[in-house]
Amino acid sequence: MSDLSSSNIMIVPEEIFCEMHEEGDACDVIVQMEDGAVYTALFATLTYIHRQLALTWLVTESIPETPPVRYAVLDTPHIIVERLQLEIIEDTIDNLVAQDVFESLFTRVTEDQRADALAAEKVSHLATQEIAQAVIEEVLVLIDD
């Protein structure tokens, strides 16, 4: 058995890719680590949250026999920032890594090689790994400040 563990392997971001949403109040962020692992999360502003609240109000208002209500259901990891600037996103990621909470807040979209090293059986191949790599290579652009 290998002496590898997640506590003694440092995760270090190598590249950060951002794709701004059309409304300009949220962006998808993909982080590629030095070891090749790829993670994703949604960075959003308070304006995004307010827009989600307004949208649910409109939806619930149109459903008969239900009271209109404002709420937001965040089904993917969301990180709320004051502004969607690359410097703020990078600094936030650095802070999350330093606080050792990055992996709990971002979704990993590539296979976990550390799990492969620790487990006797191979971790199932993630289809999103190829999608993430294609997006990194062909779709995403960096945000300018």
Protein backbone atom coordinates (compact mmCIF):
# COMPACT_ATOMS: atom_id res chain seq x y z
CA MET A 1 0.00 0.00 0.00
CA SER A 2 1.31 3.41 -0.93
CA ASP A 3 1.87 6.05 1.72
CA LEU A 4 0.06 8.63 -0.44
CA SER A 5 -2.75 10.52 1.23
CA SER A 6 -4.71 13.60 0.34
CA SER A 7 -3.27 15.38 3.37
CA ASN A 8 0.33 15.27 2.15
CA ILE A 9 -0.25 16.09 -1.52
CA MET A 10 -0.34 19.81 -2.21
CA ILE A 11 -2.81 20.92 -4.85
CA VAL A 12 -1.45 23.81 -6.87
CA PRO A 13 -3.50 25.65 -9.52
CA GLU A 14 -1.72 25.87 -12.86
CA GLU A 15 -4.34 27.52 -15.08
CA ILE A 16 -7.69 29.17 -14.45
CA PHE A 17 -10.27 29.47 -17.23
CA CYS A 18 -13.44 31.55 -17.01
CA GLU A 19 -16.53 31.66 -19.18
CA MET A 20 -18.79 34.60 -18.44
CA HIS A 21 -22.54 34.04 -18.49
CA GLU A 22 -24.54 36.18 -20.88
CA GLU A 23 -26.04 38.24 -18.05
CA GLY A 24 -22.57 39.16 -16.75
CA ASP A 25 -23.32 38.31 -13.13
CA ALA A 26 -21.84 34.80 -13.03
CA CYS A 27 -19.11 32.79 -14.71
CA ASP A 28 -18.08 29.17 -14.93
CA VAL A 29 -14.56 28.66 -13.64
CA ILE A 30 -12.40 25.69 -14.53
CA VAL A 31 -9.16 25.19 -12.63
CA GLN A 32 -6.46 22.92 -13.97
CA MET A 33 -3.97 21.81 -11.32
CA GLU A 34 -0.26 21.10 -11.81
CA ASP A 35 -1.02 17.37 -11.55
CA GLY A 36 -3.54 17.64 -14.43
CA ALA A 37 -6.66 17.41 -12.25
CA VAL A 38 -9.50 19.64 -13.40
CA TYR A 39 -12.09 21.23 -11.09
CA THR A 40 -15.07 23.48 -11.76
CA ALA A 41 -17.36 25.84 -9.84
CA LEU A 42 -19.64 28.74 -10.57
CA PHE A 43 -18.51 32.18 -9.41
CA ALA A 44 -21.38 34.61 -8.98
CA THR A 45 -22.18 38.04 -7.63
CA LEU A 46 -25.01 39.14 -5.38
CA THR A 47 -26.72 40.45 -8.52
CA TYR A 48 -26.89 36.82 -9.74
CA ILE A 49 -28.56 35.73 -6.49
CA HIS A 50 -31.07 38.61 -6.72
CA ARG A 51 -31.82 37.63 -10.32
CA GLN A 52 -32.44 34.02 -9.25
CA LEU A 53 -34.80 35.26 -6.53
CA ALA A 54 -36.72 37.35 -9.06
CA LEU A 55 -36.95 34.42 -11.47
CA THR A 56 -38.41 32.09 -8.86
CA TRP A 57 -40.91 34.79 -7.90
CA LEU A 58 -42.07 34.97 -11.52
CA VAL A 59 -42.30 31.20 -11.79
CA THR A 60 -44.13 30.67 -8.51
CA GLU A 61 -46.44 33.59 -9.25
CA SER A 62 -47.58 31.85 -12.43
CA ILE A 63 -48.37 28.51 -10.75
CA PRO A 64 -52.03 28.33 -9.72
CA GLU A 65 -52.82 27.66 -6.07
CA THR A 66 -49.28 28.41 -4.85
CA PRO A 67 -48.04 31.50 -3.09
CA PRO A 68 -45.36 33.46 -4.94
CA VAL A 69 -42.06 33.26 -3.12
CA ARG A 70 -38.46 34.31 -3.71
CA TYR A 71 -35.84 31.60 -3.23
CA ALA A 72 -32.70 30.31 -4.89
CA VAL A 73 -31.70 26.66 -5.11
CA LEU A 74 -27.98 26.34 -5.76
CA ASP A 75 -27.46 22.86 -7.16
CA THR A 76 -23.82 23.25 -8.20
CA PRO A 77 -20.98 24.72 -6.17
CA HIS A 78 -21.39 28.51 -6.12
CA ILE A 79 -18.76 30.90 -4.83
CA ILE A 80 -20.07 34.40 -4.27
CA VAL A 81 -17.66 37.26 -4.95
CA GLU A 82 -18.05 41.03 -5.03
CA ARG A 83 -16.98 41.36 -8.67
CA LEU A 84 -16.13 38.92 -11.46
CA GLN A 85 -12.58 40.01 -12.12
CA LEU A 86 -9.83 37.52 -12.87
CA GLU A 87 -7.66 38.85 -10.03
CA ILE A 88 -10.49 38.39 -7.51
CA ILE A 89 -11.23 34.88 -8.81
CA GLU A 90 -7.54 33.89 -8.66
CA ASP A 91 -7.13 35.33 -5.15
CA THR A 92 -10.27 33.52 -3.99
CA ILE A 93 -8.97 30.22 -5.36
CA ASP A 94 -5.59 30.78 -3.67
CA ASN A 95 -7.38 31.44 -0.38
CA LEU A 96 -9.53 28.31 -0.70
CA VAL A 97 -6.42 26.20 -1.40
CA ALA A 98 -4.58 27.75 1.57
CA GLN A 99 -7.56 27.07 3.84
CA ASP A 100 -7.65 23.46 2.59
CA VAL A 101 -11.31 23.74 1.51
CA PHE A 102 -10.83 24.02 -2.26
CA GLU A 103 -11.61 20.35 -3.01
CA SER A 104 -14.81 20.48 -0.94
CA LEU A 105 -16.12 23.56 -2.79
CA PHE A 106 -15.15 22.72 -6.38
CA THR A 107 -16.38 19.73 -8.37
CA ARG A 108 -13.61 17.50 -9.68
CA VAL A 109 -14.22 16.57 -13.34
CA THR A 110 -11.20 14.33 -13.91
CA GLU A 111 -10.32 10.97 -12.43
CA ASP A 112 -8.66 11.04 -9.04
CA GLN A 113 -5.20 9.57 -9.61
CA ARG A 114 -4.60 9.56 -5.84
CA ALA A 115 -7.60 7.30 -5.40
CA ASP A 116 -6.16 5.04 -8.11
CA ALA A 117 -2.88 4.84 -6.23
CA LEU A 118 -4.65 3.95 -2.98
CA ALA A 119 -7.33 1.60 -4.31
CA ALA A 120 -6.85 -1.89 -5.65
CA GLU A 121 -9.50 -1.39 -8.30
CA LYS A 122 -9.52 1.34 -10.93
CA VAL A 123 -11.82 4.32 -10.40
CA SER A 124 -14.47 4.47 -13.11
CA HIS A 125 -13.62 6.75 -16.03
CA LEU A 126 -15.48 10.06 -15.95
CA ALA A 127 -17.05 11.13 -19.24
CA THR A 128 -16.75 14.73 -18.11
CA GLN A 129 -12.95 14.47 -18.21
CA GLU A 130 -12.92 14.56 -22.01
CA ILE A 131 -15.55 17.28 -22.06
CA ALA A 132 -13.54 19.41 -19.63
CA GLN A 133 -10.38 19.00 -21.70
CA ALA A 134 -12.21 19.92 -24.91
CA VAL A 135 -13.69 22.98 -23.23
CA ILE A 136 -10.28 24.05 -21.92
CA GLU A 137 -8.65 23.65 -25.32
CA GLU A 138 -11.40 24.97 -27.59
CA VAL A 139 -14.06 27.01 -25.80
CA LEU A 140 -12.96 29.02 -22.77
CA VAL A 141 -11.37 32.44 -22.81
CA LEU A 142 -9.80 34.36 -19.97
CA ILE A 143 -11.63 37.31 -18.48
CA ASP A 144 -9.83 40.63 -18.80
CA ASP A 145 -9.88 43.00 -15.83
